[in-house]
Amino acid sequence: LIRRLKVVTETLEGYTDEDDVIEQAKRDIEHLAEAVGSDWLIQHKNKDVRLLVACALADVLRIYAPDPPYGEETSVAAIRLF
């Protein structure tokens, strides 16, 4: 799981903030963003998993700004994780 999350964070970090890249990124990572925002990952017992999930969530929120792809409950859980 940790190896996979490292790949996810490296991939998300690679997206620049250019408008055309961001729009394509939103389409590319829609399902990934949903998976990273899942409760079982946000509340995982392993601190390294939670750290990588927090990094991935930060990039997802950056890509989707100003409209996060998560509902209020997931957003609150993500903020607590940070």
N, C-alpha and C. Protein backbone atom coordinates (compact mmCIF):
# COMPACT_ATOMS: atom_id res chain seq x y z
N LEU A 1 0.83 -1.19 0.00
CA LEU A 1 0.00 0.00 0.00
C LEU A 1 0.87 1.26 0.00
N ILE A 2 1.92 1.23 0.79
CA ILE A 2 2.79 2.40 0.87
C ILE A 2 3.48 2.65 -0.47
N ARG A 3 3.93 1.60 -1.14
CA ARG A 3 4.56 1.78 -2.45
C ARG A 3 3.58 2.39 -3.44
N ARG A 4 2.35 1.93 -3.42
CA ARG A 4 1.33 2.47 -4.33
C ARG A 4 1.02 3.93 -4.02
N LEU A 5 0.94 4.26 -2.75
CA LEU A 5 0.67 5.65 -2.37
C LEU A 5 1.83 6.57 -2.75
N LYS A 6 3.05 6.07 -2.70
CA LYS A 6 4.19 6.87 -3.14
C LYS A 6 4.08 7.18 -4.63
N VAL A 7 3.66 6.20 -5.41
CA VAL A 7 3.48 6.41 -6.85
C VAL A 7 2.37 7.44 -7.08
N VAL A 8 1.29 7.34 -6.30
CA VAL A 8 0.18 8.29 -6.42
C VAL A 8 0.66 9.71 -6.11
N THR A 9 1.38 9.88 -5.03
CA THR A 9 1.83 11.22 -4.66
C THR A 9 2.81 11.78 -5.69
N GLU A 10 3.68 10.95 -6.21
CA GLU A 10 4.62 11.41 -7.24
C GLU A 10 3.87 11.83 -8.51
N THR A 11 2.85 11.07 -8.86
CA THR A 11 2.05 11.39 -10.04
C THR A 11 1.31 12.71 -9.85
N LEU A 12 0.68 12.87 -8.71
CA LEU A 12 -0.08 14.10 -8.45
C LEU A 12 0.82 15.32 -8.38
N GLU A 13 2.01 15.16 -7.83
CA GLU A 13 2.95 16.28 -7.74
C GLU A 13 3.39 16.75 -9.12
N GLY A 14 3.32 15.85 -10.09
CA GLY A 14 3.78 16.17 -11.44
C GLY A 14 2.86 17.08 -12.23
N TYR A 15 1.63 17.24 -11.78
CA TYR A 15 0.69 18.12 -12.49
C TYR A 15 1.02 19.58 -12.18
N THR A 16 1.18 20.36 -13.22
CA THR A 16 1.46 21.78 -13.04
C THR A 16 0.15 22.55 -12.84
N ASP A 17 0.27 23.83 -12.58
CA ASP A 17 -0.91 24.66 -12.34
C ASP A 17 -1.41 25.37 -13.59
N GLU A 18 -0.95 24.96 -14.75
CA GLU A 18 -1.42 25.56 -16.00
C GLU A 18 -2.86 25.12 -16.27
N ASP A 19 -3.67 26.02 -16.77
CA ASP A 19 -5.10 25.77 -16.94
C ASP A 19 -5.41 24.53 -17.76
N ASP A 20 -4.76 24.36 -18.90
CA ASP A 20 -5.06 23.21 -19.75
C ASP A 20 -4.62 21.90 -19.09
N VAL A 21 -3.52 21.93 -18.36
CA VAL A 21 -3.05 20.74 -17.66
C VAL A 21 -3.99 20.40 -16.51
N ILE A 22 -4.45 21.40 -15.79
CA ILE A 22 -5.34 21.17 -14.65
C ILE A 22 -6.66 20.57 -15.10
N GLU A 23 -7.22 21.06 -16.18
CA GLU A 23 -8.50 20.51 -16.67
C GLU A 23 -8.34 19.05 -17.06
N GLN A 24 -7.24 18.71 -17.71
CA GLN A 24 -6.98 17.32 -18.07
C GLN A 24 -6.74 16.49 -16.81
N ALA A 25 -6.03 17.06 -15.84
CA ALA A 25 -5.76 16.36 -14.59
C ALA A 25 -7.05 16.02 -13.86
N LYS A 26 -7.98 16.95 -13.84
CA LYS A 26 -9.26 16.71 -13.16
C LYS A 26 -9.97 15.50 -13.76
N ARG A 27 -9.91 15.37 -15.07
CA ARG A 27 -10.54 14.22 -15.72
C ARG A 27 -9.75 12.94 -15.44
N ASP A 28 -8.44 13.06 -15.44
CA ASP A 28 -7.59 11.89 -15.25
C ASP A 28 -7.67 11.30 -13.85
N ILE A 29 -7.80 12.16 -12.86
CA ILE A 29 -7.69 11.68 -11.47
C ILE A 29 -9.02 11.61 -10.73
N GLU A 30 -10.11 11.69 -11.43
CA GLU A 30 -11.41 11.70 -10.76
C GLU A 30 -11.59 10.51 -9.81
N HIS A 31 -11.33 9.31 -10.30
CA HIS A 31 -11.49 8.11 -9.46
C HIS A 31 -10.39 8.01 -8.40
N LEU A 32 -9.22 8.46 -8.75
CA LEU A 32 -8.11 8.46 -7.80
C LEU A 32 -8.41 9.39 -6.64
N ALA A 33 -8.93 10.57 -6.94
CA ALA A 33 -9.28 11.52 -5.89
C ALA A 33 -10.33 10.94 -4.95
N GLU A 34 -11.28 10.22 -5.51
CA GLU A 34 -12.32 9.58 -4.70
C GLU A 34 -11.71 8.53 -3.78
N ALA A 35 -10.79 7.73 -4.31
CA ALA A 35 -10.17 6.67 -3.52
C ALA A 35 -9.31 7.24 -2.40
N VAL A 36 -8.53 8.27 -2.71
CA VAL A 36 -7.64 8.87 -1.71
C VAL A 36 -8.44 9.52 -0.59
N GLY A 37 -9.64 9.98 -0.88
CA GLY A 37 -10.48 10.61 0.12
C GLY A 37 -11.33 9.64 0.93
N SER A 38 -11.10 8.35 0.76
CA SER A 38 -11.92 7.36 1.47
C SER A 38 -11.56 7.32 2.96
N ASP A 39 -12.54 7.04 3.77
CA ASP A 39 -12.36 7.03 5.23
C ASP A 39 -11.29 6.05 5.68
N TRP A 40 -11.26 4.88 5.06
CA TRP A 40 -10.32 3.86 5.54
C TRP A 40 -8.87 4.28 5.32
N LEU A 41 -8.61 5.11 4.33
CA LEU A 41 -7.25 5.61 4.14
C LEU A 41 -6.95 6.80 5.06
N ILE A 42 -7.90 7.70 5.17
CA ILE A 42 -7.71 8.88 6.02
C ILE A 42 -7.53 8.47 7.48
N GLN A 43 -8.20 7.41 7.90
CA GLN A 43 -8.14 6.96 9.29
C GLN A 43 -7.27 5.72 9.48
N HIS A 44 -6.40 5.45 8.54
CA HIS A 44 -5.55 4.26 8.59
C HIS A 44 -4.69 4.27 9.85
N LYS A 45 -4.40 3.10 10.38
CA LYS A 45 -3.62 3.00 11.61
C LYS A 45 -2.14 3.32 11.41
N ASN A 46 -1.64 3.07 10.21
CA ASN A 46 -0.22 3.29 9.93
C ASN A 46 0.04 4.77 9.65
N LYS A 47 0.97 5.35 10.39
CA LYS A 47 1.25 6.78 10.25
C LYS A 47 1.86 7.11 8.90
N ASP A 48 2.63 6.21 8.30
CA ASP A 48 3.21 6.46 6.99
C ASP A 48 2.13 6.50 5.91
N VAL A 49 1.13 5.65 6.04
CA VAL A 49 0.00 5.67 5.11
C VAL A 49 -0.74 6.99 5.24
N ARG A 50 -1.01 7.41 6.46
CA ARG A 50 -1.71 8.68 6.68
C ARG A 50 -0.91 9.86 6.13
N LEU A 51 0.40 9.82 6.28
CA LEU A 51 1.25 10.89 5.76
C LEU A 51 1.14 10.97 4.24
N LEU A 52 1.25 9.84 3.57
CA LEU A 52 1.16 9.82 2.11
C LEU A 52 -0.23 10.21 1.63
N VAL A 53 -1.26 9.79 2.36
CA VAL A 53 -2.62 10.18 2.02
C VAL A 53 -2.78 11.69 2.16
N ALA A 54 -2.22 12.27 3.21
CA ALA A 54 -2.29 13.72 3.40
C ALA A 54 -1.59 14.45 2.25
N CYS A 55 -0.45 13.95 1.82
CA CYS A 55 0.25 14.57 0.68
C CYS A 55 -0.59 14.47 -0.58
N ALA A 56 -1.19 13.31 -0.81
CA ALA A 56 -2.02 13.13 -2.00
C ALA A 56 -3.25 14.03 -1.93
N LEU A 57 -3.87 14.12 -0.76
CA LEU A 57 -5.04 14.99 -0.60
C LEU A 57 -4.69 16.45 -0.85
N ALA A 58 -3.52 16.86 -0.39
CA ALA A 58 -3.10 18.25 -0.62
C ALA A 58 -3.00 18.54 -2.11
N ASP A 59 -2.44 17.59 -2.86
CA ASP A 59 -2.33 17.79 -4.31
C ASP A 59 -3.68 17.73 -5.00
N VAL A 60 -4.55 16.84 -4.55
CA VAL A 60 -5.91 16.76 -5.12
C VAL A 60 -6.63 18.09 -4.89
N LEU A 61 -6.54 18.61 -3.68
CA LEU A 61 -7.19 19.89 -3.38
C LEU A 61 -6.58 21.03 -4.19
N ARG A 62 -5.28 20.99 -4.42
CA ARG A 62 -4.61 22.00 -5.25
C ARG A 62 -5.13 21.93 -6.68
N ILE A 63 -5.24 20.73 -7.20
CA ILE A 63 -5.68 20.55 -8.58
C ILE A 63 -7.13 20.98 -8.76
N TYR A 64 -7.97 20.65 -7.80
CA TYR A 64 -9.40 20.96 -7.92
C TYR A 64 -9.77 22.36 -7.42
N ALA A 65 -8.84 23.09 -6.85
CA ALA A 65 -9.15 24.41 -6.28
C ALA A 65 -9.80 25.31 -7.33
N PRO A 66 -10.78 26.05 -6.96
CA PRO A 66 -11.31 26.33 -5.63
C PRO A 66 -12.48 25.42 -5.24
N ASP A 67 -12.83 24.45 -6.06
CA ASP A 67 -13.97 23.58 -5.78
C ASP A 67 -13.50 22.16 -5.46
N PRO A 68 -13.39 21.83 -4.17
CA PRO A 68 -12.89 20.50 -3.81
C PRO A 68 -13.84 19.40 -4.28
N PRO A 69 -13.29 18.24 -4.61
CA PRO A 69 -14.12 17.14 -5.12
C PRO A 69 -14.81 16.35 -4.01
N TYR A 70 -14.69 16.82 -2.78
CA TYR A 70 -15.20 16.08 -1.64
C TYR A 70 -16.36 16.81 -0.99
N GLY A 71 -17.19 16.02 -0.32
CA GLY A 71 -18.26 16.60 0.47
C GLY A 71 -17.73 17.13 1.78
N GLU A 72 -18.61 17.69 2.57
CA GLU A 72 -18.21 18.31 3.83
C GLU A 72 -17.56 17.32 4.79
N GLU A 73 -18.11 16.12 4.88
CA GLU A 73 -17.59 15.12 5.83
C GLU A 73 -16.16 14.73 5.49
N THR A 74 -15.88 14.48 4.23
CA THR A 74 -14.53 14.11 3.81
C THR A 74 -13.59 15.30 3.95
N SER A 75 -14.07 16.48 3.65
CA SER A 75 -13.22 17.67 3.78
C SER A 75 -12.82 17.91 5.23
N VAL A 76 -13.73 17.71 6.15
CA VAL A 76 -13.43 17.87 7.58
C VAL A 76 -12.42 16.82 8.00
N ALA A 77 -12.59 15.58 7.56
CA ALA A 77 -11.65 14.51 7.91
C ALA A 77 -10.27 14.80 7.34
N ALA A 78 -10.21 15.33 6.12
CA ALA A 78 -8.93 15.68 5.52
C ALA A 78 -8.24 16.79 6.29
N ILE A 79 -8.99 17.78 6.70
CA ILE A 79 -8.42 18.89 7.47
C ILE A 79 -7.88 18.38 8.80
N ARG A 80 -8.58 17.49 9.43
CA ARG A 80 -8.10 16.91 10.69
C ARG A 80 -6.82 16.11 10.47
N LEU A 81 -6.73 15.45 9.32
CA LEU A 81 -5.54 14.68 8.99
C LEU A 81 -4.33 15.59 8.84
N PHE A 82 -4.54 16.78 8.24
CA PHE A 82 -3.43 17.73 8.07
C PHE A 82 -2.94 18.18 9.42
